[in-house]
PDB file of N, CA and C in Angstrom:
ATOM      1  N   MET A   1      25.469 -85.711  13.477  1.00  0.00           N
ATOM      2  CA  MET A   1      26.408 -85.947  12.291  1.00  0.00           C
ATOM      3  C   MET A   1      27.699 -87.156  12.348  1.00  0.00           C
ATOM      4  N   THR A   2      27.091 -87.903  11.266  1.00  0.00           N
ATOM      5  CA  THR A   2      27.506 -89.189  10.717  1.00  0.00           C
ATOM      6  C   THR A   2      29.208 -89.149  10.751  1.00  0.00           C
ATOM      7  N   THR A   3      29.379 -90.198  10.677  1.00  0.00           N
ATOM      8  CA  THR A   3      31.525 -90.132  10.708  1.00  0.00           C
ATOM      9  C   THR A   3      31.735 -89.677   9.375  1.00  0.00           C
ATOM     10  N   ASN A   4      30.802 -89.818   8.271  1.00  0.00           N
ATOM     11  CA  ASN A   4      31.312 -89.944   7.069  1.00  0.00           C
ATOM     12  C   ASN A   4      31.015 -87.840   6.640  1.00  0.00           C
ATOM     13  N   ASP A   5      29.580 -87.919   7.350  1.00  0.00           N
ATOM     14  CA  ASP A   5      29.705 -86.277   7.555  1.00  0.00           C
ATOM     15  C   ASP A   5      31.001 -85.485   8.105  1.00  0.00           C
ATOM     16  N   GLN A   6      31.373 -85.993   9.049  1.00  0.00           N
ATOM     17  CA  GLN A   6      32.625 -85.728   9.874  1.00  0.00           C
ATOM     18  C   GLN A   6      33.662 -85.178   8.861  1.00  0.00           C
ATOM     19  N   LEU A   7      33.861 -86.498   8.398  1.00  0.00           N
ATOM     20  CA  LEU A   7      34.846 -86.792   7.311  1.00  0.00           C
ATOM     21  C   LEU A   7      35.326 -85.561   6.289  1.00  0.00           C
ATOM     22  N   TYR A   8      33.682 -85.623   5.607  1.00  0.00           N
ATOM     23  CA  TYR A   8      33.688 -84.300   4.476  1.00  0.00           C
ATOM     24  C   TYR A   8      33.749 -82.846   5.105  1.00  0.00           C
ATOM     25  N   ALA A   9      33.206 -82.822   6.383  1.00  0.00           N
ATOM     26  CA  ALA A   9      33.553 -81.398   7.519  1.00  0.00           C
ATOM     27  C   ALA A   9      35.128 -80.670   7.399  1.00  0.00           C
ATOM     28  N   ALA A  10      35.720 -82.048   8.142  1.00  0.00           N
ATOM     29  CA  ALA A  10      37.155 -82.208   7.854  1.00  0.00           C
ATOM     30  C   ALA A  10      38.086 -81.721   6.545  1.00  0.00           C
ATOM     31  N   PHE A  11      37.356 -82.153   5.383  1.00  0.00           N
ATOM     32  CA  PHE A  11      38.147 -81.700   4.201  1.00  0.00           C
ATOM     33  C   PHE A  11      38.160 -80.505   3.815  1.00  0.00           C
ATOM     34  N   ALA A  12      36.760 -80.298   3.966  1.00  0.00           N
ATOM     35  CA  ALA A  12      36.128 -78.778   3.626  1.00  0.00           C
ATOM     36  C   ALA A  12      36.894 -78.095   4.662  1.00  0.00           C
ATOM     37  N   THR A  13      36.745 -78.178   5.530  1.00  0.00           N
ATOM     38  CA  THR A  13      38.327 -77.090   6.710  1.00  0.00           C
ATOM     39  C   THR A  13      39.351 -76.645   6.540  1.00  0.00           C
ATOM     40  N   ALA A  14      39.799 -78.262   6.375  1.00  0.00           N
ATOM     41  CA  ALA A  14      41.333 -77.859   5.774  1.00  0.00           C
ATOM     42  C   ALA A  14      41.392 -77.657   4.727  1.00  0.00           C
ATOM     43  N   LEU A  15      40.814 -77.564   3.684  1.00  0.00           N
ATOM     44  CA  LEU A  15      41.096 -77.365   1.909  1.00  0.00           C
ATOM     45  C   LEU A  15      40.252 -75.958   1.785  1.00  0.00           C
ATOM     46  N   GLN A  16      39.211 -75.509   2.567  1.00  0.00           N
ATOM     47  CA  GLN A  16      39.105 -74.415   3.139  1.00  0.00           C
ATOM     48  C   GLN A  16      37.404 -73.965   1.576  1.00  0.00           C
ATOM     49  N   ILE A  17      36.923 -75.224   1.894  1.00  0.00           N
ATOM     50  CA  ILE A  17      36.218 -75.613  -0.129  1.00  0.00           C
ATOM     51  C   ILE A  17      34.806 -75.606   0.398  1.00  0.00           C
ATOM     52  N   ASP A  18      33.439 -75.691   0.194  1.00  0.00           N
ATOM     53  CA  ASP A  18      32.438 -76.149   0.184  1.00  0.00           C
ATOM     54  C   ASP A  18      32.257 -77.328   0.471  1.00  0.00           C
ATOM     55  N   ALA A  19      31.938 -78.231   1.156  1.00  0.00           N
ATOM     56  CA  ALA A  19      31.323 -79.704   1.500  1.00  0.00           C
ATOM     57  C   ALA A  19      30.778 -80.760   0.305  1.00  0.00           C
ATOM     58  N   ALA A  20      30.281 -79.468  -0.231  1.00  0.00           N
ATOM     59  CA  ALA A  20      28.715 -79.937  -1.543  1.00  0.00           C
ATOM     60  C   ALA A  20      30.143 -80.591  -2.165  1.00  0.00           C
ATOM     61  N   VAL A  21      31.353 -79.993  -2.407  1.00  0.00           N
ATOM     62  CA  VAL A  21      32.080 -80.190  -4.075  1.00  0.00           C
ATOM     63  C   VAL A  21      33.098 -81.568  -3.245  1.00  0.00           C
ATOM     64  N   ILE A  22      32.520 -82.162  -2.261  1.00  0.00           N
ATOM     65  CA  ILE A  22      33.916 -83.262  -1.749  1.00  0.00           C
ATOM     66  C   ILE A  22      32.897 -84.673  -2.406  1.00  0.00           C
ATOM     67  N   THR A  23      34.176 -85.360  -3.167  1.00  0.00           N
ATOM     68  CA  THR A  23      33.928 -86.982  -3.497  1.00  0.00           C
ATOM     69  C   THR A  23      34.640 -87.595  -2.671  1.00  0.00           C
ATOM     70  N   ASP A  24      33.975 -88.890  -2.743  1.00  0.00           N
ATOM     71  CA  ASP A  24      35.499 -90.019  -2.306  1.00  0.00           C
ATOM     72  C   ASP A  24      36.446 -89.615  -3.273  1.00  0.00           C
ATOM     73  N   ALA A  25      36.029 -89.644  -4.686  1.00  0.00           N
ATOM     74  CA  ALA A  25      37.188 -89.829  -5.599  1.00  0.00           C
ATOM     75  C   ALA A  25      38.154 -88.345  -5.753  1.00  0.00           C
ATOM     76  N   MET A  26      37.658 -87.746  -4.945  1.00  0.00           N
ATOM     77  CA  MET A  26      38.538 -86.742  -5.284  1.00  0.00           C
ATOM     78  C   MET A  26      39.784 -86.814  -4.696  1.00  0.00           C
ATOM     79  N   ALA A  27      41.282 -85.979  -4.896  1.00  0.00           N
ATOM     80  CA  ALA A  27      42.495 -86.680  -4.713  1.00  0.00           C
ATOM     81  C   ALA A  27      43.716 -85.343  -4.550  1.00  0.00           C
ATOM     82  N   TYR A  28      44.216 -85.697  -4.192  1.00  0.00           N
ATOM     83  CA  TYR A  28      45.565 -85.140  -3.253  1.00  0.00           C
ATOM     84  C   TYR A  28      45.529 -84.384  -5.255  1.00  0.00           C
ATOM     85  N   ASN A  29      46.523 -83.076  -5.004  1.00  0.00           N
ATOM     86  CA  ASN A  29      46.822 -82.015  -6.558  1.00  0.00           C
ATOM     87  C   ASN A  29      45.752 -82.529  -7.719  1.00  0.00           C
ATOM     88  N   GLN A  30      44.311 -82.913  -7.311  1.00  0.00           N
ATOM     89  CA  GLN A  30      43.646 -82.892  -8.619  1.00  0.00           C
ATOM     90  C   GLN A  30      42.670 -81.741  -8.279  1.00  0.00           C
ATOM     91  N   GLN A  31      42.590 -80.996  -6.964  1.00  0.00           N
ATOM     92  CA  GLN A  31      41.730 -80.223  -6.422  1.00  0.00           C
ATOM     93  C   GLN A  31      43.134 -79.401  -6.039  1.00  0.00           C
ATOM     94  N   PRO A  32      43.077 -77.882  -6.703  1.00  0.00           N
ATOM     95  CA  PRO A  32      43.749 -76.778  -6.685  1.00  0.00           C
ATOM     96  C   PRO A  32      44.259 -76.674  -5.426  1.00  0.00           C
ATOM     97  N   GLU A  33      42.897 -76.646  -4.312  1.00  0.00           N
ATOM     98  CA  GLU A  33      43.093 -76.293  -2.740  1.00  0.00           C
ATOM     99  C   GLU A  33      43.892 -77.479  -2.314  1.00  0.00           C
ATOM    100  N   TRP A  34      44.289 -78.370  -2.857  1.00  0.00           N
ATOM    101  CA  TRP A  34      44.681 -79.554  -1.650  1.00  0.00           C
ATOM    102  C   TRP A  34      45.954 -79.748  -2.228  1.00  0.00           C
ATOM    103  N   ASP A  35      46.945 -78.739  -1.466  1.00  0.00           N
ATOM    104  CA  ASP A  35      48.739 -78.884  -2.112  1.00  0.00           C
ATOM    105  C   ASP A  35      49.252 -79.177  -0.442  1.00  0.00           C
ATOM    106  N   SER A  36      50.381 -79.262  -0.422  1.00  0.00           N
ATOM    107  CA  SER A  36      51.249 -79.906   0.397  1.00  0.00           C
ATOM    108  C   SER A  36      51.253 -79.388   1.811  1.00  0.00           C
ATOM    109  N   VAL A  37      51.070 -77.830   1.610  1.00  0.00           N
ATOM    110  CA  VAL A  37      50.613 -77.352   2.605  1.00  0.00           C
ATOM    111  C   VAL A  37      49.005 -77.733   3.632  1.00  0.00           C
ATOM    112  N   ALA A  38      48.018 -77.851   2.186  1.00  0.00           N
ATOM    113  CA  ALA A  38      46.918 -78.284   2.917  1.00  0.00           C
ATOM    114  C   ALA A  38      46.755 -79.728   3.022  1.00  0.00           C
ATOM    115  N   HIS A  39      47.578 -80.450   2.398  1.00  0.00           N
ATOM    116  CA  HIS A  39      47.823 -81.841   3.018  1.00  0.00           C
ATOM    117  C   HIS A  39      47.886 -81.880   4.752  1.00  0.00           C
ATOM    118  N   MET A  40      48.869 -80.826   4.823  1.00  0.00           N
ATOM    119  CA  MET A  40      49.113 -81.327   6.491  1.00  0.00           C
ATOM    120  C   MET A  40      47.943 -80.294   7.497  1.00  0.00           C
ATOM    121  N   ALA A  41      47.088 -79.915   7.128  1.00  0.00           N
ATOM    122  CA  ALA A  41      46.161 -78.921   7.547  1.00  0.00           C
ATOM    123  C   ALA A  41      44.995 -79.742   7.723  1.00  0.00           C
ATOM    124  N   LEU A  42      45.086 -80.653   6.871  1.00  0.00           N
ATOM    125  CA  LEU A  42      43.900 -82.141   6.596  1.00  0.00           C
ATOM    126  C   LEU A  42      44.167 -83.102   7.883  1.00  0.00           C
ATOM    127  N   VAL A  43      45.432 -83.467   7.706  1.00  0.00           N
ATOM    128  CA  VAL A  43      45.990 -83.987   8.601  1.00  0.00           C
ATOM    129  C   VAL A  43      45.558 -83.887  10.068  1.00  0.00           C
ATOM    130  N   ALA A  44      45.962 -82.369  10.332  1.00  0.00           N
ATOM    131  CA  ALA A  44      45.956 -82.218  11.553  1.00  0.00           C
ATOM    132  C   ALA A  44      44.287 -82.441  12.026  1.00  0.00           C
ATOM    133  N   GLU A  45      43.556 -81.749  10.877  1.00  0.00           N
ATOM    134  CA  GLU A  45      42.030 -81.791  11.296  1.00  0.00           C
ATOM    135  C   GLU A  45      41.694 -82.932  11.589  1.00  0.00           C
ATOM    136  N   LEU A  46      42.078 -83.899  10.529  1.00  0.00           N
ATOM    137  CA  LEU A  46      41.894 -85.431  10.945  1.00  0.00           C
ATOM    138  C   LEU A  46      41.764 -85.903  11.948  1.00  0.00           C
ATOM    139  N   GLU A  47      43.226 -85.555  12.767  1.00  0.00           N
ATOM    140  CA  GLU A  47      43.729 -86.037  13.968  1.00  0.00           C
ATOM    141  C   GLU A  47      42.658 -85.605  14.786  1.00  0.00           C
ATOM    142  N   SER A  48      42.284 -84.291  14.721  1.00  0.00           N
ATOM    143  CA  SER A  48      41.288 -83.293  16.335  1.00  0.00           C
ATOM    144  C   SER A  48      40.123 -84.128  15.876  1.00  0.00           C
ATOM    145  N   VAL A  49      39.153 -84.323  14.866  1.00  0.00           N
ATOM    146  CA  VAL A  49      38.450 -84.496  14.599  1.00  0.00           C
ATOM    147  C   VAL A  49      37.458 -86.039  15.224  1.00  0.00           C
ATOM    148  N   PHE A  50      38.639 -87.062  14.728  1.00  0.00           N
ATOM    149  CA  PHE A  50      38.936 -88.564  14.903  1.00  0.00           C
ATOM    150  C   PHE A  50      39.363 -89.064  16.340  1.00  0.00           C
ATOM    151  N   ASP A  51      40.437 -88.050  16.750  1.00  0.00           N
ATOM    152  CA  ASP A  51      41.135 -88.560  18.070  1.00  0.00           C
ATOM    153  C   ASP A  51      42.040 -89.416  17.772  1.00  0.00           C
ATOM    154  N   VAL A  52      43.093 -88.945  16.481  1.00  0.00           N
ATOM    155  CA  VAL A  52      43.907 -90.249  16.720  1.00  0.00           C
ATOM    156  C   VAL A  52      44.871 -89.572  15.553  1.00  0.00           C
ATOM    157  N   MET A  53      46.017 -90.183  16.097  1.00  0.00           N
ATOM    158  CA  MET A  53      47.624 -89.627  15.503  1.00  0.00           C
ATOM    159  C   MET A  53      48.027 -90.339  14.705  1.00  0.00           C
ATOM    160  N   LEU A  54      48.121 -90.102  13.447  1.00  0.00           N
ATOM    161  CA  LEU A  54      48.207 -91.415  12.076  1.00  0.00           C
ATOM    162  C   LEU A  54      49.717 -90.903  11.891  1.00  0.00           C
ATOM    163  N   ASP A  55      50.357 -92.357  11.892  1.00  0.00           N
ATOM    164  CA  ASP A  55      51.541 -92.443  11.261  1.00  0.00           C
ATOM    165  C   ASP A  55      52.044 -91.742  10.521  1.00  0.00           C
ATOM    166  N   THR A  56      53.798 -91.587   9.899  1.00  0.00           N
ATOM    167  CA  THR A  56      53.950 -90.946   8.583  1.00  0.00           C
ATOM    168  C   THR A  56      53.385 -91.445   7.242  1.00  0.00           C
ATOM    169  N   ASP A  57      53.882 -93.271   7.639  1.00  0.00           N
ATOM    170  CA  ASP A  57      53.266 -93.779   6.047  1.00  0.00           C
ATOM    171  C   ASP A  57      51.892 -93.757   6.119  1.00  0.00           C
ATOM    172  N   ASP A  58      50.936 -93.508   6.983  1.00  0.00           N
ATOM    173  CA  ASP A  58      49.480 -93.301   6.540  1.00  0.00           C
ATOM    174  C   ASP A  58      49.266 -91.673   5.941  1.00  0.00           C
ATOM    175  N   ILE A  59      50.015 -90.770   6.083  1.00  0.00           N
ATOM    176  CA  ILE A  59      50.195 -89.000   5.987  1.00  0.00           C
ATOM    177  C   ILE A  59      50.081 -89.250   4.327  1.00  0.00           C
ATOM    178  N   LEU A  60      51.502 -90.011   4.305  1.00  0.00           N
ATOM    179  CA  LEU A  60      52.465 -89.955   2.825  1.00  0.00           C
ATOM    180  C   LEU A  60      51.462 -90.653   1.836  1.00  0.00           C
ATOM    181  N   ALA A  61      50.177 -91.755   2.306  1.00  0.00           N
ATOM    182  CA  ALA A  61      49.435 -92.606   1.357  1.00  0.00           C
ATOM    183  C   ALA A  61      48.070 -92.078   1.385  1.00  0.00           C
ATOM    184  N   MET A  62      47.784 -90.951   2.017  1.00  0.00           N
ATOM    185  CA  MET A  62      46.453 -90.338   1.785  1.00  0.00           C
ATOM    186  C   MET A  62      46.410 -90.105   1.238  1.00  0.00           C
ATOM    187  N   SER A  63      45.611 -90.186  -0.773  1.00  0.00           N
ATOM    188  CA  SER A  63      45.968 -89.602  -1.450  1.00  0.00           C
ATOM    189  C   SER A  63      44.541 -89.148  -1.996  1.00  0.00           C
ATOM    190  N   SER A  64      43.817 -89.343  -1.222  1.00  0.00           N
ATOM    191  CA  SER A  64      42.103 -89.391  -2.105  1.00  0.00           C
ATOM    192  C   SER A  64      41.270 -89.310  -0.655  1.00  0.00           C
ATOM    193  N   VAL A  65      40.275 -89.138  -0.675  1.00  0.00           N
ATOM    194  CA  VAL A  65      38.977 -88.678   0.424  1.00  0.00           C
ATOM    195  C   VAL A  65      39.106 -90.636   0.973  1.00  0.00           C
ATOM    196  N   ALA A  66      38.855 -91.319  -0.286  1.00  0.00           N
ATOM    197  CA  ALA A  66      38.503 -92.768  -0.304  1.00  0.00           C
ATOM    198  C   ALA A  66      39.669 -93.678   0.638  1.00  0.00           C
ATOM    199  N   ALA A  67      41.018 -92.931   0.119  1.00  0.00           N
ATOM    200  CA  ALA A  67      41.927 -93.780   1.115  1.00  0.00           C
ATOM    201  C   ALA A  67      42.446 -93.117   2.466  1.00  0.00           C
ATOM    202  N   ALA A  68      41.474 -91.590   2.975  1.00  0.00           N
ATOM    203  CA  ALA A  68      41.440 -91.500   4.190  1.00  0.00           C
ATOM    204  C   ALA A  68      40.256 -92.307   5.015  1.00  0.00           C
ATOM    205  N   ARG A  69      39.446 -92.759   4.210  1.00  0.00           N
ATOM    206  CA  ARG A  69      38.337 -93.060   4.766  1.00  0.00           C
ATOM    207  C   ARG A  69      39.315 -94.927   5.409  1.00  0.00           C
ATOM    208  N   THR A  70      39.948 -95.682   4.594  1.00  0.00           N
ATOM    209  CA  THR A  70      40.278 -96.452   4.638  1.00  0.00           C
ATOM    210  C   THR A  70      41.360 -96.543   5.714  1.00  0.00           C
ATOM    211  N   ILE A  71      42.304 -95.267   6.101  1.00  0.00           N
ATOM    212  CA  ILE A  71      43.475 -94.904   6.793  1.00  0.00           C
ATOM    213  C   ILE A  71      42.613 -94.808   7.952  1.00  0.00           C
ATOM    214  N   LEU A  72      41.689 -94.080   8.335  1.00  0.00           N
ATOM    215  CA  LEU A  72      41.314 -94.167   9.566  1.00  0.00           C
ATOM    216  C   LEU A  72      40.119 -95.668   9.817  1.00  0.00           C
ATOM    217  N   ALA A  73      39.505 -95.864   8.970  1.00  0.00           N
ATOM    218  CA  ALA A  73      39.393 -97.217   9.752  1.00  0.00           C
ATOM    219  C   ALA A  73      40.098 -98.096  10.558  1.00  0.00           C
ATOM    220  N   LYS A  74      41.787 -97.835  10.221  1.00  0.00           N
ATOM    221  CA  LYS A  74      42.640 -98.778  10.427  1.00  0.00           C
ATOM    222  C   LYS A  74      42.700 -98.488  12.134  1.00  0.00           C
ATOM    223  N   TYR A  75      42.731 -97.142  12.536  1.00  0.00           N
ATOM    224  CA  TYR A  75      42.646 -96.475  13.938  1.00  0.00           C
ATOM    225  C   TYR A  75      41.149 -97.104  14.485  1.00  0.00           C
ATOM    226  N   GLY A  76      40.688 -97.411  14.029  1.00  0.00           N
ATOM    227  CA  GLY A  76      39.295 -97.665  15.046  1.00  0.00           C
ATOM    228  C   GLY A  76      37.894 -96.645  14.338  1.00  0.00           C
ATOM    229  N   VAL A  77      38.335 -96.021  13.505  1.00  0.00           N
ATOM    230  CA  VAL A  77      36.851 -95.050  13.121  1.00  0.00           C
ATOM    231  C   VAL A  77      36.068 -96.031  12.561  1.00  0.00           C
ATOM    232  N   VAL A  78      34.966 -95.348  12.528  1.00  0.00           N
ATOM    233  CA  VAL A  78      33.997 -96.445  12.094  1.00  0.00           C
ATOM    234  C   VAL A  78      32.499 -96.203  11.085  1.00  0.00           C
ATOM    235  N   PHE A  79      32.877 -96.332  10.161  1.00  0.00           N
ATOM    236  CA  PHE A  79      32.288 -95.267   8.668  1.00  0.00           C
ATOM    237  C   PHE A  79      30.944 -95.967   8.755  1.00  0.00           C
TER     238      PHE A  79
END
């Protein structure tokens, strides 16, 4: 599984949606399932899958799948 697949799988798990509907353009509050509670579940899932500890600024800045990829890259995750 590629890191991109892992990213999409983490979003699918946290948001409880089909990975097939996930795109880089998917953004917070544009997907009904991605609310504030799901956002925290997503953070926990990403931290677990990629073995990172996100700081508060990055958690708040994670507004889309593309943003999550950029943020994770700061922590050494290679896509």
